[in-house]
């Protein structure tokens, strides 16, 4: 019976410690900017990705012109277009 009380006391102490840790982590998250910083970071990554996609498309178009020749670029057979 004394062991059960001790176990409950330790469980309650663990709960209090975890709640304090949760509170501290929420305060730290707000201090560093929270979700606003993530949104700005994601927007910057998205613009970088879009620029990389454009550069890749341009490079592939140049490679296609070099391989196929300027007169055949963009004129793929009907069965290979998707």
Protein backbone atom coordinates (compact mmCIF):
# COMPACT_ATOMS: atom_id res chain seq x y z
CA UNK A 1 0.00 0.00 0.00
CA UNK A 2 2.86 2.36 0.78
CA UNK A 3 4.38 1.46 -2.57
CA UNK A 4 1.20 2.52 -4.37
CA UNK A 5 1.23 5.93 -2.65
CA UNK A 6 4.84 6.40 -3.54
CA UNK A 7 4.12 5.44 -7.15
CA UNK A 8 1.24 7.91 -7.33
CA UNK A 9 3.40 10.63 -5.81
CA UNK A 10 6.14 10.02 -8.36
CA UNK A 11 3.59 10.00 -11.18
CA UNK A 12 2.17 13.31 -9.98
CA UNK A 13 5.66 14.78 -9.73
CA UNK A 14 6.46 13.59 -13.26
CA UNK A 15 3.24 15.19 -14.51
CA UNK A 16 4.08 18.53 -12.86
CA UNK A 17 7.60 18.47 -14.29
CA UNK A 18 6.31 17.69 -17.78
CA UNK A 19 3.76 20.53 -17.60
CA UNK A 20 6.46 22.98 -16.51
CA UNK A 21 8.65 21.80 -19.39
CA UNK A 22 5.75 22.24 -21.80
CA UNK A 23 5.19 25.79 -20.55
CA UNK A 24 8.86 26.65 -20.96
CA UNK A 25 8.90 25.24 -24.50
CA UNK A 26 5.82 27.29 -25.46
CA UNK A 27 7.45 30.46 -24.13
CA UNK A 28 10.65 29.70 -26.04
CA UNK A 29 8.69 29.04 -29.24
CA UNK A 30 6.94 32.40 -28.94
CA UNK A 31 10.22 34.15 -28.15
CA UNK A 32 11.88 33.02 -31.38
CA UNK A 33 8.97 34.10 -33.54
CA UNK A 34 6.76 31.06 -33.61
CA UNK A 35 4.98 30.17 -36.80
CA UNK A 36 5.58 33.58 -38.41
CA UNK A 37 9.26 32.78 -38.86
CA UNK A 38 8.38 29.42 -40.44
CA UNK A 39 5.96 31.02 -42.89
CA UNK A 40 8.60 33.51 -44.02
CA UNK A 41 11.15 30.73 -44.32
CA UNK A 42 8.78 28.61 -46.39
CA UNK A 43 8.00 31.54 -48.71
CA UNK A 44 11.72 32.11 -49.28
CA UNK A 45 12.22 28.42 -50.03
CA UNK A 46 9.27 28.43 -52.41
CA UNK A 47 10.63 31.36 -54.40
CA UNK A 48 14.04 29.68 -54.57
CA UNK A 49 12.42 26.46 -55.76
CA UNK A 50 10.44 28.29 -58.45
CA UNK A 51 13.63 29.96 -59.70
CA UNK A 52 15.40 26.59 -59.80
CA UNK A 53 12.49 25.05 -61.73
CA UNK A 54 12.65 27.84 -64.31
CA UNK A 55 16.41 27.45 -64.71
CA UNK A 56 16.02 23.68 -65.08
CA UNK A 57 13.30 24.08 -67.71
CA UNK A 58 15.47 26.55 -69.64
CA UNK A 59 18.46 24.21 -69.47
CA UNK A 60 16.37 21.27 -70.68
CA UNK A 61 15.04 23.36 -73.57
CA UNK A 62 18.61 24.27 -74.58
CA UNK A 63 19.65 20.61 -74.39
CA UNK A 64 16.64 19.61 -76.49
CA UNK A 65 17.53 22.19 -79.15
CA UNK A 66 21.13 20.96 -79.15
CA UNK A 67 20.12 17.31 -79.52
CA UNK A 68 17.15 17.58 -81.88
CA UNK A 69 18.10 20.70 -83.73
CA UNK A 70 16.17 23.97 -83.77
CA UNK A 71 13.67 22.88 -86.44
CA UNK A 72 12.44 19.81 -84.49
CA UNK A 73 12.31 21.26 -80.96
CA UNK A 74 8.81 21.12 -79.56
CA UNK A 75 7.52 18.83 -82.35
CA UNK A 76 7.32 15.53 -80.53
CA UNK A 77 5.38 12.62 -82.04
CA UNK A 78 1.77 12.41 -80.85
CA UNK A 79 2.26 9.17 -78.91
CA UNK A 80 5.12 10.58 -76.82
CA UNK A 81 3.20 13.68 -75.70
CA UNK A 82 1.41 13.29 -72.38
